[in-house]
Amino acid sequence: MQPPDSRQEEITNRRGRRRLMRRADILKVYFENVIKAVRDLFKCRVDAEFFDGTK
């Protein structure tokens, strides 16, 4: 197994399976979940334009 890149994290799921993921991908998924929770909780639209990685 190769040493992890400093921009990657080793993720372990509940079954003990391991995977290397880029930190940017981890943050993207996290913020998508936060935006979904805000939409559901406050019943409002949150513009996710700044979280799509193109800006």
N, C-alpha and C. Protein backbone atom coordinates (compact mmCIF):
# COMPACT_ATOMS: atom_id res chain seq x y z
N MET A 1 0.85 -1.18 0.00
CA MET A 1 0.00 0.00 0.00
C MET A 1 0.89 1.24 0.00
N GLN A 2 0.54 2.20 -0.83
CA GLN A 2 1.33 3.41 -0.96
C GLN A 2 1.05 4.35 0.21
N PRO A 3 2.05 5.17 0.59
CA PRO A 3 1.78 6.15 1.64
C PRO A 3 0.77 7.17 1.16
N PRO A 4 -0.13 7.61 2.03
CA PRO A 4 -1.16 8.55 1.60
C PRO A 4 -0.58 9.92 1.26
N ASP A 5 -1.15 10.54 0.28
CA ASP A 5 -0.80 11.91 -0.09
C ASP A 5 -1.26 12.82 1.04
N SER A 6 -0.58 13.92 1.24
CA SER A 6 -0.94 14.83 2.34
C SER A 6 -2.32 15.46 2.12
N ARG A 7 -2.83 15.38 0.88
CA ARG A 7 -4.16 15.93 0.61
C ARG A 7 -5.23 14.85 0.63
N GLN A 8 -4.88 13.67 1.14
CA GLN A 8 -5.83 12.57 1.21
C GLN A 8 -5.95 12.08 2.64
N GLU A 9 -7.09 11.50 2.92
CA GLU A 9 -7.35 10.92 4.24
C GLU A 9 -7.81 9.47 4.05
N GLU A 10 -7.45 8.64 4.99
CA GLU A 10 -7.91 7.26 4.97
C GLU A 10 -9.24 7.19 5.72
N ILE A 11 -10.25 6.71 5.04
CA ILE A 11 -11.60 6.63 5.59
C ILE A 11 -11.91 5.16 5.86
N THR A 12 -12.48 4.88 7.02
CA THR A 12 -12.89 3.52 7.38
C THR A 12 -14.39 3.51 7.62
N ASN A 13 -15.10 2.62 6.93
CA ASN A 13 -16.55 2.57 7.14
C ASN A 13 -16.89 1.62 8.28
N ARG A 14 -18.16 1.43 8.53
CA ARG A 14 -18.61 0.61 9.67
C ARG A 14 -18.20 -0.85 9.53
N ARG A 15 -18.01 -1.31 8.33
CA ARG A 15 -17.62 -2.70 8.10
C ARG A 15 -16.10 -2.89 8.16
N GLY A 16 -15.37 -1.82 8.39
CA GLY A 16 -13.92 -1.91 8.49
C GLY A 16 -13.18 -1.77 7.17
N ARG A 17 -13.89 -1.46 6.12
CA ARG A 17 -13.25 -1.27 4.82
C ARG A 17 -12.59 0.10 4.77
N ARG A 18 -11.40 0.13 4.21
CA ARG A 18 -10.63 1.38 4.16
C ARG A 18 -10.55 1.90 2.74
N ARG A 19 -10.46 3.23 2.64
CA ARG A 19 -10.37 3.87 1.34
C ARG A 19 -9.68 5.21 1.49
N LEU A 20 -8.84 5.56 0.53
CA LEU A 20 -8.23 6.88 0.52
C LEU A 20 -9.13 7.82 -0.27
N MET A 21 -9.41 8.99 0.32
CA MET A 21 -10.24 9.99 -0.35
C MET A 21 -9.55 11.33 -0.28
N ARG A 22 -9.73 12.11 -1.33
CA ARG A 22 -9.20 13.47 -1.32
C ARG A 22 -9.97 14.30 -0.30
N ARG A 23 -9.26 15.18 0.36
CA ARG A 23 -9.91 16.04 1.37
C ARG A 23 -10.98 16.91 0.74
N ALA A 24 -10.74 17.38 -0.48
CA ALA A 24 -11.73 18.21 -1.17
C ALA A 24 -13.04 17.45 -1.38
N ASP A 25 -12.94 16.16 -1.70
CA ASP A 25 -14.15 15.35 -1.90
C ASP A 25 -14.90 15.14 -0.59
N ILE A 26 -14.14 14.96 0.50
CA ILE A 26 -14.76 14.80 1.81
C ILE A 26 -15.52 16.07 2.18
N LEU A 27 -14.90 17.22 1.99
CA LEU A 27 -15.55 18.49 2.31
C LEU A 27 -16.77 18.74 1.43
N LYS A 28 -16.68 18.37 0.16
CA LYS A 28 -17.81 18.57 -0.75
C LYS A 28 -19.03 17.78 -0.27
N VAL A 29 -18.82 16.52 0.07
CA VAL A 29 -19.93 15.68 0.54
C VAL A 29 -20.48 16.24 1.85
N TYR A 30 -19.59 16.68 2.74
CA TYR A 30 -20.03 17.24 4.02
C TYR A 30 -20.91 18.47 3.80
N PHE A 31 -20.46 19.40 2.96
CA PHE A 31 -21.25 20.61 2.74
C PHE A 31 -22.55 20.32 2.00
N GLU A 32 -22.56 19.34 1.12
CA GLU A 32 -23.82 18.95 0.47
C GLU A 32 -24.82 18.45 1.51
N ASN A 33 -24.35 17.69 2.49
CA ASN A 33 -25.24 17.21 3.55
C ASN A 33 -25.72 18.36 4.44
N VAL A 34 -24.86 19.32 4.72
CA VAL A 34 -25.26 20.49 5.51
C VAL A 34 -26.32 21.28 4.77
N ILE A 35 -26.12 21.50 3.47
CA ILE A 35 -27.10 22.25 2.67
C ILE A 35 -28.44 21.52 2.64
N LYS A 36 -28.40 20.20 2.48
CA LYS A 36 -29.65 19.42 2.48
C LYS A 36 -30.36 19.54 3.83
N ALA A 37 -29.61 19.48 4.92
CA ALA A 37 -30.21 19.59 6.25
C ALA A 37 -30.84 20.97 6.45
N VAL A 38 -30.17 22.01 5.98
CA VAL A 38 -30.72 23.37 6.10
C VAL A 38 -32.00 23.50 5.29
N ARG A 39 -31.99 22.96 4.09
CA ARG A 39 -33.20 23.00 3.25
C ARG A 39 -34.37 22.30 3.94
N ASP A 40 -34.10 21.13 4.50
CA ASP A 40 -35.16 20.36 5.17
C ASP A 40 -35.63 21.03 6.45
N LEU A 41 -34.70 21.58 7.22
CA LEU A 41 -35.03 22.16 8.51
C LEU A 41 -35.79 23.48 8.37
N PHE A 42 -35.30 24.34 7.50
CA PHE A 42 -35.89 25.68 7.38
C PHE A 42 -36.83 25.82 6.20
N LYS A 43 -36.99 24.75 5.43
CA LYS A 43 -37.89 24.76 4.27
C LYS A 43 -37.58 25.93 3.35
N CYS A 44 -36.29 26.11 3.08
CA CYS A 44 -35.89 27.20 2.21
C CYS A 44 -34.93 26.68 1.15
N ARG A 45 -34.72 27.51 0.16
CA ARG A 45 -33.80 27.15 -0.92
C ARG A 45 -32.44 27.75 -0.60
N VAL A 46 -31.41 26.92 -0.68
CA VAL A 46 -30.04 27.38 -0.47
C VAL A 46 -29.33 27.26 -1.80
N ASP A 47 -28.77 28.36 -2.26
CA ASP A 47 -28.07 28.35 -3.53
C ASP A 47 -26.70 27.71 -3.33
N ALA A 48 -26.49 26.56 -3.94
CA ALA A 48 -25.24 25.81 -3.78
C ALA A 48 -24.25 26.13 -4.88
N GLU A 49 -24.42 27.26 -5.52
CA GLU A 49 -23.57 27.66 -6.63
C GLU A 49 -22.09 27.69 -6.26
N PHE A 50 -21.77 28.09 -5.05
CA PHE A 50 -20.40 28.25 -4.66
C PHE A 50 -19.76 26.94 -4.19
N PHE A 51 -20.53 25.87 -4.10
CA PHE A 51 -20.02 24.61 -3.60
C PHE A 51 -19.82 23.58 -4.71
N ASP A 52 -20.02 23.96 -5.97
CA ASP A 52 -19.91 22.97 -7.03
C ASP A 52 -18.47 22.81 -7.54
N GLY A 53 -17.54 23.59 -7.01
CA GLY A 53 -16.14 23.44 -7.35
C GLY A 53 -15.72 24.12 -8.64
N THR A 54 -16.64 24.81 -9.31
CA THR A 54 -16.29 25.46 -10.58
C THR A 54 -15.95 26.92 -10.38
N LYS A 55 -16.21 27.48 -9.24
CA LYS A 55 -15.97 28.92 -9.03
C LYS A 55 -14.76 29.13 -8.18
